[in-house]
Amino acid sequence: MVKRVLVIGAAFVDVIVNVPQLPTAGGDVTGMPVSSVVGGCAFNVDGALRRTEVSSDLLVPVGQGQYAEVVRQAMAAKHIPLLLQVQGVDNGWDLCMVEPNGERTFLTVPGVEQKWEPAWFEKLPLSQYDYVYLSGYEAEDEAATTVILDVLAQKAPQATLLFDASPRIKHIQPAILARLLSPGVMIHCNQDELAFMTKGTDRQSRLKTLYHLTQQPVMLTLGAQGTCLFDDQGERIIPAEKVNVVNTIGAGDTHCGGVLAGLALGQPIDEAVQLGNHLAALVVQQVAGRLD
């Protein structure tokens, strides 16, 4: 039986612009508009899950305003149930600048997705989920994250939380980070995020520290090299597929979604990570950060 997945987070409007290089302070560069699409970590994770036909519940707040309306229309077009409507606050948006090598840099203007309240979870059958996704982007606001983590304390004892550290890990309060680096939480991160979360002289010691804290597999993304996986069997590399990279928007999100899909389908962790690698390879070959 396929296990149930809950995806908590945000749906943003991504305004994507190609630039020859990032502007420096006081500088001026000319950008080429590429597209304006709905993104956000949770929205992209949901896309990966749906690509594998694993059903998930996407809990993203949709507010009121010009960006919220774009999100609402996109969800309707993709037949995604709207589980959470919020009054009085617009959704966030971001400017995504993509350099010629495919690397992307975000300027984010947050919105309703940073306003989490206990009432937003009242109709959710938390005890029925086997896996829950949460991004570091949604853990930056201490009050909002406290609400989320307090609610998730009610999930089934055997349920696993996948925490995607995100580039905002440095802005998460120590008390919140301590709650996240705890038993039952599966960590997904890159090398910079790993270095911030742990102390150690090398990669293996840092991964071992996270594993001892969480007692769950730790996934370290290495770009074109693939994913370094660490668990009770030690460290190994799950290789990436060689593809032509258009940009890296949504690569980490999609990877998380692929891993969750594999686990929900009952795959061993190595196979689930390989599925994440495969879906991430697909998404970096396109403009949008979500697979459909």
C-alpha atoms as a PDB file:
ATOM      1  CA  MET A   1       0.000   0.000   0.000  1.00  0.00           C
ATOM      2  CA  VAL A   2       1.294   3.465  -0.925  1.00  0.00           C
ATOM      3  CA  LYS A   3       1.988   5.572   2.144  1.00  0.00           C
ATOM      4  CA  ARG A   4       0.534   9.030   2.697  1.00  0.00           C
ATOM      5  CA  VAL A   5       2.562  12.228   2.342  1.00  0.00           C
ATOM      6  CA  LEU A   6       1.816  15.720   3.676  1.00  0.00           C
ATOM      7  CA  VAL A   7       3.675  18.643   2.078  1.00  0.00           C
ATOM      8  CA  ILE A   8       3.731  21.817   4.192  1.00  0.00           C
ATOM      9  CA  GLY A   9       5.019  25.122   2.873  1.00  0.00           C
ATOM     10  CA  ALA A  10       4.560  27.797   0.274  1.00  0.00           C
ATOM     11  CA  ALA A  11       3.374  28.513  -3.227  1.00  0.00           C
ATOM     12  CA  PHE A  12       5.144  31.582  -4.638  1.00  0.00           C
ATOM     13  CA  VAL A  13       5.163  33.430  -7.904  1.00  0.00           C
ATOM     14  CA  ASP A  14       8.638  33.062  -9.451  1.00  0.00           C
ATOM     15  CA  VAL A  15       9.612  35.922 -11.767  1.00  0.00           C
ATOM     16  CA  ILE A  16      12.550  34.422 -13.706  1.00  0.00           C
ATOM     17  CA  VAL A  17      15.122  36.616 -15.470  1.00  0.00           C
ATOM     18  CA  ASN A  18      18.331  35.583 -17.260  1.00  0.00           C
ATOM     19  CA  VAL A  19      21.317  37.809 -16.395  1.00  0.00           C
ATOM     20  CA  PRO A  20      24.915  37.782 -17.711  1.00  0.00           C
ATOM     21  CA  GLN A  21      26.123  37.992 -14.107  1.00  0.00           C
ATOM     22  CA  LEU A  22      24.731  39.090 -10.762  1.00  0.00           C
ATOM     23  CA  PRO A  23      24.762  42.854 -10.171  1.00  0.00           C
ATOM     24  CA  THR A  24      27.236  44.167  -7.622  1.00  0.00           C
ATOM     25  CA  ALA A  25      26.453  46.932  -5.133  1.00  0.00           C
ATOM     26  CA  GLY A  26      25.738  50.089  -7.120  1.00  0.00           C
ATOM     27  CA  GLY A  27      26.009  48.152 -10.377  1.00  0.00           C
ATOM     28  CA  ASP A  28      23.599  47.778 -13.276  1.00  0.00           C
ATOM     29  CA  VAL A  29      22.928  44.719 -15.420  1.00  0.00           C
ATOM     30  CA  THR A  30      20.389  44.062 -18.150  1.00  0.00           C
ATOM     31  CA  GLY A  31      18.166  41.033 -17.734  1.00  0.00           C
ATOM     32  CA  MET A  32      16.143  39.027 -20.230  1.00  0.00           C
ATOM     33  CA  PRO A  33      12.669  38.059 -18.969  1.00  0.00           C
ATOM     34  CA  VAL A  34      12.094  34.326 -19.146  1.00  0.00           C
ATOM     35  CA  SER A  35       8.788  33.610 -17.458  1.00  0.00           C
ATOM     36  CA  SER A  36       6.527  34.221 -14.502  1.00  0.00           C
ATOM     37  CA  VAL A  37       5.429  30.917 -12.988  1.00  0.00           C
ATOM     38  CA  VAL A  38       4.140  29.554  -9.717  1.00  0.00           C
ATOM     39  CA  GLY A  39       6.861  27.917  -7.642  1.00  0.00           C
ATOM     40  CA  GLY A  40       7.833  27.642  -4.000  1.00  0.00           C
ATOM     41  CA  CYS A  41       9.445  24.638  -2.327  1.00  0.00           C
ATOM     42  CA  ALA A  42       6.260  22.852  -1.299  1.00  0.00           C
ATOM     43  CA  PHE A  43       4.602  23.489  -4.672  1.00  0.00           C
ATOM     44  CA  ASN A  44       7.635  21.984  -6.448  1.00  0.00           C
ATOM     45  CA  VAL A  45       7.821  18.994  -4.097  1.00  0.00           C
ATOM     46  CA  ASP A  46       4.172  18.299  -4.856  1.00  0.00           C
ATOM     47  CA  GLY A  47       4.986  18.356  -8.582  1.00  0.00           C
ATOM     48  CA  ALA A  48       7.603  15.641  -8.161  1.00  0.00           C
ATOM     49  CA  LEU A  49       5.208  13.488  -6.159  1.00  0.00           C
ATOM     50  CA  ARG A  50       2.495  13.869  -8.765  1.00  0.00           C
ATOM     51  CA  ARG A  51       4.939  12.953 -11.544  1.00  0.00           C
ATOM     52  CA  THR A  52       5.343   9.575  -9.827  1.00  0.00           C
ATOM     53  CA  GLU A  53       1.572   9.354  -9.262  1.00  0.00           C
ATOM     54  CA  VAL A  54       2.059   9.319  -5.498  1.00  0.00           C
ATOM     55  CA  SER A  55      -0.855  11.214  -3.992  1.00  0.00           C
ATOM     56  CA  SER A  56       0.028  13.913  -1.477  1.00  0.00           C
ATOM     57  CA  ASP A  57      -1.823  16.591   0.414  1.00  0.00           C
ATOM     58  CA  LEU A  58      -0.380  20.019  -0.354  1.00  0.00           C
ATOM     59  CA  LEU A  59      -0.918  22.397   2.554  1.00  0.00           C
ATOM     60  CA  VAL A  60       0.012  25.841   1.253  1.00  0.00           C
ATOM     61  CA  PRO A  61      -1.844  28.994   2.302  1.00  0.00           C
ATOM     62  CA  VAL A  62      -3.458  30.944  -0.519  1.00  0.00           C
ATOM     63  CA  GLY A  63      -4.323  34.485   0.489  1.00  0.00           C
ATOM     64  CA  GLN A  64      -5.821  37.540  -1.178  1.00  0.00           C
ATOM     65  CA  GLY A  65      -4.092  39.725  -3.756  1.00  0.00           C
ATOM     66  CA  GLN A  66      -2.486  39.676  -7.181  1.00  0.00           C
ATOM     67  CA  TYR A  67       0.015  36.901  -6.412  1.00  0.00           C
ATOM     68  CA  ALA A  68      -2.526  34.816  -4.517  1.00  0.00           C
ATOM     69  CA  GLU A  69      -4.795  34.924  -7.550  1.00  0.00           C
ATOM     70  CA  VAL A  70      -1.995  33.637  -9.793  1.00  0.00           C
ATOM     71  CA  VAL A  71      -1.381  30.786  -7.331  1.00  0.00           C
ATOM     72  CA  ARG A  72      -5.089  30.002  -7.120  1.00  0.00           C
ATOM     73  CA  GLN A  73      -5.407  29.799 -10.906  1.00  0.00           C
ATOM     74  CA  ALA A  74      -2.308  27.607 -11.238  1.00  0.00           C
ATOM     75  CA  MET A  75      -3.570  25.163  -8.629  1.00  0.00           C
ATOM     76  CA  ALA A  76      -6.951  24.974 -10.314  1.00  0.00           C
ATOM     77  CA  ALA A  77      -5.320  24.339 -13.703  1.00  0.00           C
ATOM     78  CA  LYS A  78      -3.294  21.474 -12.235  1.00  0.00           C
ATOM     79  CA  HIS A  79      -6.307  20.082 -10.338  1.00  0.00           C
ATOM     80  CA  ILE A  80      -4.592  20.555  -6.976  1.00  0.00           C
ATOM     81  CA  PRO A  81      -7.096  20.790  -4.117  1.00  0.00           C
ATOM     82  CA  LEU A  82      -7.030  24.143  -2.336  1.00  0.00           C
ATOM     83  CA  LEU A  83      -6.853  23.103   1.333  1.00  0.00           C
ATOM     84  CA  LEU A  84      -6.050  26.435   2.949  1.00  0.00           C
ATOM     85  CA  GLN A  85      -7.528  29.834   2.045  1.00  0.00           C
ATOM     86  CA  VAL A  86      -6.514  32.833   4.159  1.00  0.00           C
ATOM     87  CA  GLN A  87      -8.050  36.292   4.224  1.00  0.00           C
ATOM     88  CA  GLY A  88      -6.275  39.642   4.181  1.00  0.00           C
ATOM     89  CA  VAL A  89      -2.697  38.749   3.147  1.00  0.00           C
ATOM     90  CA  ASP A  90      -1.210  38.178  -0.313  1.00  0.00           C
ATOM     91  CA  ASN A  91       1.090  35.316  -1.284  1.00  0.00           C
ATOM     92  CA  GLY A  92       4.794  35.953  -1.609  1.00  0.00           C
ATOM     93  CA  TRP A  93       6.827  36.300  -4.780  1.00  0.00           C
ATOM     94  CA  ASP A  94      10.470  36.220  -5.766  1.00  0.00           C
ATOM     95  CA  LEU A  95      12.802  37.539  -8.420  1.00  0.00           C
ATOM     96  CA  CYS A  96      14.977  34.673  -9.662  1.00  0.00           C
ATOM     97  CA  MET A  97      18.127  35.720 -11.514  1.00  0.00           C
ATOM     98  CA  VAL A  98      19.674  32.923 -13.579  1.00  0.00           C
ATOM     99  CA  GLU A  99      23.291  33.160 -14.733  1.00  0.00           C
ATOM    100  CA  PRO A 100      24.640  31.508 -17.933  1.00  0.00           C
ATOM    101  CA  ASN A 101      25.890  28.446 -16.012  1.00  0.00           C
ATOM    102  CA  GLY A 102      22.364  27.781 -14.734  1.00  0.00           C
ATOM    103  CA  GLU A 103      23.025  28.940 -11.170  1.00  0.00           C
ATOM    104  CA  ARG A 104      20.129  30.911  -9.700  1.00  0.00           C
ATOM    105  CA  THR A 105      19.912  33.660  -7.077  1.00  0.00           C
ATOM    106  CA  PHE A 106      16.667  34.661  -5.376  1.00  0.00           C
ATOM    107  CA  LEU A 107      15.324  37.903  -3.996  1.00  0.00           C
ATOM    108  CA  THR A 108      12.244  36.894  -2.008  1.00  0.00           C
ATOM    109  CA  VAL A 109       9.337  39.032  -0.836  1.00  0.00           C
ATOM    110  CA  PRO A 110       7.472  36.878   1.724  1.00  0.00           C
ATOM    111  CA  GLY A 111       3.717  36.851   2.221  1.00  0.00           C
ATOM    112  CA  VAL A 112       1.019  34.733   3.825  1.00  0.00           C
ATOM    113  CA  GLU A 113       3.289  31.646   3.957  1.00  0.00           C
ATOM    114  CA  GLN A 114       5.087  33.185   6.973  1.00  0.00           C
ATOM    115  CA  LYS A 115       1.857  33.586   9.008  1.00  0.00           C
ATOM    116  CA  TRP A 116       1.097  30.035  10.189  1.00  0.00           C
ATOM    117  CA  GLU A 117      -1.656  29.605  12.775  1.00  0.00           C
ATOM    118  CA  PRO A 118      -2.887  26.509  14.697  1.00  0.00           C
ATOM    119  CA  ALA A 119      -6.354  26.828  13.156  1.00  0.00           C
ATOM    120  CA  TRP A 120      -4.903  26.149   9.710  1.00  0.00           C
ATOM    121  CA  PHE A 121      -4.348  22.506  10.679  1.00  0.00           C
ATOM    122  CA  GLU A 122      -7.701  21.804  12.320  1.00  0.00           C
ATOM    123  CA  LYS A 123      -9.197  19.777   9.468  1.00  0.00           C
ATOM    124  CA  LEU A 124      -6.013  17.838   8.722  1.00  0.00           C
ATOM    125  CA  PRO A 125      -5.843  14.110   9.699  1.00  0.00           C
ATOM    126  CA  LEU A 126      -2.252  14.369  11.005  1.00  0.00           C
ATOM    127  CA  SER A 127      -2.204  10.881  12.490  1.00  0.00           C
ATOM    128  CA  GLN A 128      -2.795   9.352   9.030  1.00  0.00           C
ATOM    129  CA  TYR A 129       0.392  10.627   7.360  1.00  0.00           C
ATOM    130  CA  ASP A 130       3.529   8.515   7.053  1.00  0.00           C
ATOM    131  CA  TYR A 131       5.812  11.285   5.750  1.00  0.00           C
ATOM    132  CA  VAL A 132       5.751  15.062   6.157  1.00  0.00           C
ATOM    133  CA  TYR A 133       7.832  17.617   4.234  1.00  0.00           C
ATOM    134  CA  LEU A 134       9.001  20.964   5.637  1.00  0.00           C
ATOM    135  CA  SER A 135      11.475  23.462   4.163  1.00  0.00           C
ATOM    136  CA  GLY A 136      13.856  25.804   5.935  1.00  0.00           C
ATOM    137  CA  TYR A 137      12.165  28.648   4.080  1.00  0.00           C
ATOM    138  CA  GLU A 138       9.115  28.044   6.283  1.00  0.00           C
ATOM    139  CA  ALA A 139      11.204  27.691   9.454  1.00  0.00           C
ATOM    140  CA  GLU A 140      12.707  31.173   9.419  1.00  0.00           C
ATOM    141  CA  ASP A 141       9.941  32.894  11.376  1.00  0.00           C
ATOM    142  CA  GLU A 142      10.222  31.601  14.949  1.00  0.00           C
ATOM    143  CA  ALA A 143       6.570  32.114  15.910  1.00  0.00           C
ATOM    144  CA  ALA A 144       5.233  30.508  12.735  1.00  0.00           C
ATOM    145  CA  THR A 145       7.625  27.562  12.966  1.00  0.00           C
ATOM    146  CA  THR A 146       6.733  26.976  16.598  1.00  0.00           C
ATOM    147  CA  VAL A 147       3.107  26.636  15.502  1.00  0.00           C
ATOM    148  CA  ILE A 148       4.051  24.120  12.789  1.00  0.00           C
ATOM    149  CA  LEU A 149       6.285  22.014  15.042  1.00  0.00           C
ATOM    150  CA  ASP A 150       3.779  22.027  17.896  1.00  0.00           C
ATOM    151  CA  VAL A 151       1.119  20.730  15.533  1.00  0.00           C
ATOM    152  CA  LEU A 152       3.466  18.117  14.030  1.00  0.00           C
ATOM    153  CA  ALA A 153       4.038  16.749  17.521  1.00  0.00           C
ATOM    154  CA  GLN A 154       0.579  15.218  17.041  1.00  0.00           C
ATOM    155  CA  LYS A 155       1.606  13.155  14.003  1.00  0.00           C
ATOM    156  CA  ALA A 156       1.815   9.379  14.210  1.00  0.00           C
ATOM    157  CA  PRO A 157       4.817   8.171  16.258  1.00  0.00           C
ATOM    158  CA  GLN A 158       6.229   6.234  13.294  1.00  0.00           C
ATOM    159  CA  ALA A 159       5.829   9.129  10.853  1.00  0.00           C
ATOM    160  CA  THR A 160       8.981  10.746   9.467  1.00  0.00           C
ATOM    161  CA  LEU A 161       9.553  14.447   8.882  1.00  0.00           C
ATOM    162  CA  LEU A 162      11.796  15.312   5.932  1.00  0.00           C
ATOM    163  CA  PHE A 163      13.424  18.689   6.658  1.00  0.00           C
ATOM    164  CA  ASP A 164      15.016  20.411   3.670  1.00  0.00           C
ATOM    165  CA  ALA A 165      17.501  22.793   5.292  1.00  0.00           C
ATOM    166  CA  SER A 166      17.487  25.384   2.467  1.00  0.00           C
ATOM    167  CA  PRO A 167      19.769  28.417   1.991  1.00  0.00           C
ATOM    168  CA  ARG A 168      17.893  30.153   4.848  1.00  0.00           C
ATOM    169  CA  ILE A 169      19.249  27.734   7.456  1.00  0.00           C
ATOM    170  CA  LYS A 170      21.496  30.460   8.918  1.00  0.00           C
ATOM    171  CA  HIS A 171      18.427  32.538   9.769  1.00  0.00           C
ATOM    172  CA  ILE A 172      16.644  29.828  11.763  1.00  0.00           C
ATOM    173  CA  GLN A 173      16.675  30.419  15.507  1.00  0.00           C
ATOM    174  CA  PRO A 174      18.839  27.950  17.534  1.00  0.00           C
ATOM    175  CA  ALA A 175      15.859  26.715  19.558  1.00  0.00           C
ATOM    176  CA  ILE A 176      13.932  25.901  16.380  1.00  0.00           C
ATOM    177  CA  LEU A 177      16.933  24.214  14.771  1.00  0.00           C
ATOM    178  CA  ALA A 178      17.406  22.076  17.881  1.00  0.00           C
ATOM    179  CA  ARG A 179      13.819  20.854  17.564  1.00  0.00           C
ATOM    180  CA  LEU A 180      14.417  19.965  13.917  1.00  0.00           C
ATOM    181  CA  LEU A 181      17.701  18.127  14.505  1.00  0.00           C
ATOM    182  CA  SER A 182      16.021  15.463  16.597  1.00  0.00           C
ATOM    183  CA  PRO A 183      15.019  11.782  16.311  1.00  0.00           C
ATOM    184  CA  GLY A 184      12.559  11.032  13.516  1.00  0.00           C
ATOM    185  CA  VAL A 185      13.656  13.890  11.251  1.00  0.00           C
ATOM    186  CA  MET A 186      15.308  13.088   7.924  1.00  0.00           C
ATOM    187  CA  ILE A 187      17.728  15.864   6.884  1.00  0.00           C
ATOM    188  CA  HIS A 188      18.209  16.983   3.271  1.00  0.00           C
ATOM    189  CA  CYS A 189      20.931  19.591   2.700  1.00  0.00           C
ATOM    190  CA  ASN A 190      23.837  20.795   0.567  1.00  0.00           C
ATOM    191  CA  GLN A 191      27.439  21.221   1.653  1.00  0.00           C
ATOM    192  CA  ASP A 192      27.081  24.804   2.905  1.00  0.00           C
ATOM    193  CA  GLU A 193      23.994  23.900   4.933  1.00  0.00           C
ATOM    194  CA  LEU A 194      25.703  20.822   6.367  1.00  0.00           C
ATOM    195  CA  ALA A 195      28.655  22.941   7.508  1.00  0.00           C
ATOM    196  CA  PHE A 196      26.344  25.377   9.270  1.00  0.00           C
ATOM    197  CA  MET A 197      24.311  22.723  11.091  1.00  0.00           C
ATOM    198  CA  THR A 198      27.229  20.698  12.435  1.00  0.00           C
ATOM    199  CA  LYS A 199      30.785  20.896  13.687  1.00  0.00           C
ATOM    200  CA  GLY A 200      33.434  18.570  12.323  1.00  0.00           C
ATOM    201  CA  THR A 201      36.706  18.369  10.470  1.00  0.00           C
ATOM    202  CA  ASP A 202      35.366  16.546   7.421  1.00  0.00           C
ATOM    203  CA  ARG A 203      32.190  15.587   5.607  1.00  0.00           C
ATOM    204  CA  GLN A 204      31.872  12.160   7.158  1.00  0.00           C
ATOM    205  CA  SER A 205      32.112  13.433  10.719  1.00  0.00           C
ATOM    206  CA  ARG A 206      29.484  16.074  10.011  1.00  0.00           C
ATOM    207  CA  LEU A 207      27.130  13.535   8.446  1.00  0.00           C
ATOM    208  CA  LYS A 208      27.691  11.166  11.344  1.00  0.00           C
ATOM    209  CA  THR A 209      26.777  13.938  13.793  1.00  0.00           C
ATOM    210  CA  LEU A 210      23.462  14.580  12.027  1.00  0.00           C
ATOM    211  CA  TYR A 211      22.696  10.873  11.849  1.00  0.00           C
ATOM    212  CA  HIS A 212      23.286  10.406  15.566  1.00  0.00           C
ATOM    213  CA  LEU A 213      21.000  13.353  16.323  1.00  0.00           C
ATOM    214  CA  THR A 214      18.146  12.221  14.061  1.00  0.00           C
ATOM    215  CA  GLN A 215      18.549   8.437  13.763  1.00  0.00           C
ATOM    216  CA  GLN A 216      17.390   8.872  10.169  1.00  0.00           C
ATOM    217  CA  PRO A 217      19.204   8.806   6.805  1.00  0.00           C
ATOM    218  CA  VAL A 218      20.963  12.075   5.934  1.00  0.00           C
ATOM    219  CA  MET A 219      21.018  13.242   2.302  1.00  0.00           C
ATOM    220  CA  LEU A 220      23.737  15.612   1.102  1.00  0.00           C
ATOM    221  CA  THR A 221      23.249  16.889  -2.446  1.00  0.00           C
ATOM    222  CA  LEU A 222      26.433  17.298  -4.488  1.00  0.00           C
ATOM    223  CA  GLY A 223      25.130  18.746  -7.752  1.00  0.00           C
ATOM    224  CA  ALA A 224      26.464  16.937 -10.822  1.00  0.00           C
ATOM    225  CA  GLN A 225      28.134  14.295  -8.617  1.00  0.00           C
ATOM    226  CA  GLY A 226      24.841  13.090  -7.208  1.00  0.00           C
ATOM    227  CA  THR A 227      23.793  12.603  -3.586  1.00  0.00           C
ATOM    228  CA  CYS A 228      25.846  11.486  -0.605  1.00  0.00           C
ATOM    229  CA  LEU A 229      23.695   9.262   1.592  1.00  0.00           C
ATOM    230  CA  PHE A 230      24.622   8.472   5.192  1.00  0.00           C
ATOM    231  CA  ASP A 231      22.838   6.022   7.493  1.00  0.00           C
ATOM    232  CA  ASP A 232      23.637   2.982   9.645  1.00  0.00           C
ATOM    233  CA  GLN A 233      25.448   1.472   6.653  1.00  0.00           C
ATOM    234  CA  GLY A 234      27.828   4.421   6.458  1.00  0.00           C
ATOM    235  CA  GLU A 235      28.452   6.846   3.602  1.00  0.00           C
ATOM    236  CA  ARG A 236      27.954   6.213  -0.120  1.00  0.00           C
ATOM    237  CA  ILE A 237      27.378   8.265  -3.280  1.00  0.00           C
ATOM    238  CA  ILE A 238      24.231   7.775  -5.360  1.00  0.00           C
ATOM    239  CA  PRO A 239      25.398   9.094  -8.765  1.00  0.00           C
ATOM    240  CA  ALA A 240      23.558  11.774 -10.722  1.00  0.00           C
ATOM    241  CA  GLU A 241      22.488  11.546 -14.342  1.00  0.00           C
ATOM    242  CA  LYS A 242      24.484  13.620 -16.854  1.00  0.00           C
ATOM    243  CA  VAL A 243      22.180  16.200 -18.436  1.00  0.00           C
ATOM    244  CA  ASN A 244      22.261  19.636 -20.046  1.00  0.00           C
ATOM    245  CA  VAL A 245      21.421  22.124 -17.267  1.00  0.00           C
ATOM    246  CA  VAL A 246      19.113  25.015 -18.220  1.00  0.00           C
ATOM    247  CA  ASN A 247      18.857  26.273 -14.640  1.00  0.00           C
ATOM    248  CA  THR A 248      18.790  24.789 -11.158  1.00  0.00           C
ATOM    249  CA  ILE A 249      15.474  26.255  -9.978  1.00  0.00           C
ATOM    250  CA  GLY A 250      13.547  23.639  -8.038  1.00  0.00           C
ATOM    251  CA  ALA A 251      16.287  20.992  -8.233  1.00  0.00           C
ATOM    252  CA  GLY A 252      16.486  20.470  -4.471  1.00  0.00           C
ATOM    253  CA  ASP A 253      12.716  20.628  -4.037  1.00  0.00           C
ATOM    254  CA  THR A 254      12.172  18.090  -6.796  1.00  0.00           C
ATOM    255  CA  HIS A 255      14.853  15.852  -5.328  1.00  0.00           C
ATOM    256  CA  CYS A 256      13.028  15.876  -1.985  1.00  0.00           C
ATOM    257  CA  GLY A 257       9.767  15.037  -3.731  1.00  0.00           C
ATOM    258  CA  GLY A 258      11.397  12.137  -5.542  1.00  0.00           C
ATOM    259  CA  VAL A 259      12.833  10.733  -2.318  1.00  0.00           C
ATOM    260  CA  LEU A 260       9.449  11.004  -0.601  1.00  0.00           C
ATOM    261  CA  ALA A 261       7.761   9.337  -3.563  1.00  0.00           C
ATOM    262  CA  GLY A 262      10.188   6.438  -3.465  1.00  0.00           C
ATOM    263  CA  LEU A 263       9.741   5.963   0.265  1.00  0.00           C
ATOM    264  CA  ALA A 264       5.950   6.182  -0.055  1.00  0.00           C
ATOM    265  CA  LEU A 265       6.119   3.440  -2.692  1.00  0.00           C
ATOM    266  CA  GLY A 266       8.087   1.244  -0.289  1.00  0.00           C
ATOM    267  CA  GLN A 267      11.487   1.575  -1.963  1.00  0.00           C
ATOM    268  CA  PRO A 268      14.705   1.177   0.063  1.00  0.00           C
ATOM    269  CA  ILE A 269      16.371   4.513   0.803  1.00  0.00           C
ATOM    270  CA  ASP A 270      19.072   4.059  -1.885  1.00  0.00           C
ATOM    271  CA  GLU A 271      16.432   3.545  -4.578  1.00  0.00           C
ATOM    272  CA  ALA A 272      14.367   6.461  -3.270  1.00  0.00           C
ATOM    273  CA  VAL A 273      17.407   8.762  -3.473  1.00  0.00           C
ATOM    274  CA  GLN A 274      18.094   7.520  -7.010  1.00  0.00           C
ATOM    275  CA  LEU A 275      14.526   8.426  -7.928  1.00  0.00           C
ATOM    276  CA  GLY A 276      15.147  11.868  -6.449  1.00  0.00           C
ATOM    277  CA  ASN A 277      18.290  12.183  -8.568  1.00  0.00           C
ATOM    278  CA  HIS A 278      16.351  11.200 -11.683  1.00  0.00           C
ATOM    279  CA  LEU A 279      13.548  13.717 -11.153  1.00  0.00           C
ATOM    280  CA  ALA A 280      16.030  16.473 -10.283  1.00  0.00           C
ATOM    281  CA  ALA A 281      17.827  15.721 -13.567  1.00  0.00           C
ATOM    282  CA  LEU A 282      14.546  16.230 -15.406  1.00  0.00           C
ATOM    283  CA  VAL A 283      13.690  19.542 -13.756  1.00  0.00           C
ATOM    284  CA  VAL A 284      17.085  21.205 -14.350  1.00  0.00           C
ATOM    285  CA  GLN A 285      16.570  20.721 -18.085  1.00  0.00           C
ATOM    286  CA  GLN A 286      13.556  23.052 -18.114  1.00  0.00           C
ATOM    287  CA  VAL A 287      12.760  26.655 -17.181  1.00  0.00           C
ATOM    288  CA  ALA A 288      10.109  26.027 -14.541  1.00  0.00           C
ATOM    289  CA  GLY A 289      11.084  24.579 -11.158  1.00  0.00           C
ATOM    290  CA  ARG A 290       8.143  22.159 -11.037  1.00  0.00           C
ATOM    291  CA  LEU A 291       7.538  18.919 -12.905  1.00  0.00           C
ATOM    292  CA  ASP A 292       4.055  18.360 -14.309  1.00  0.00           C
END
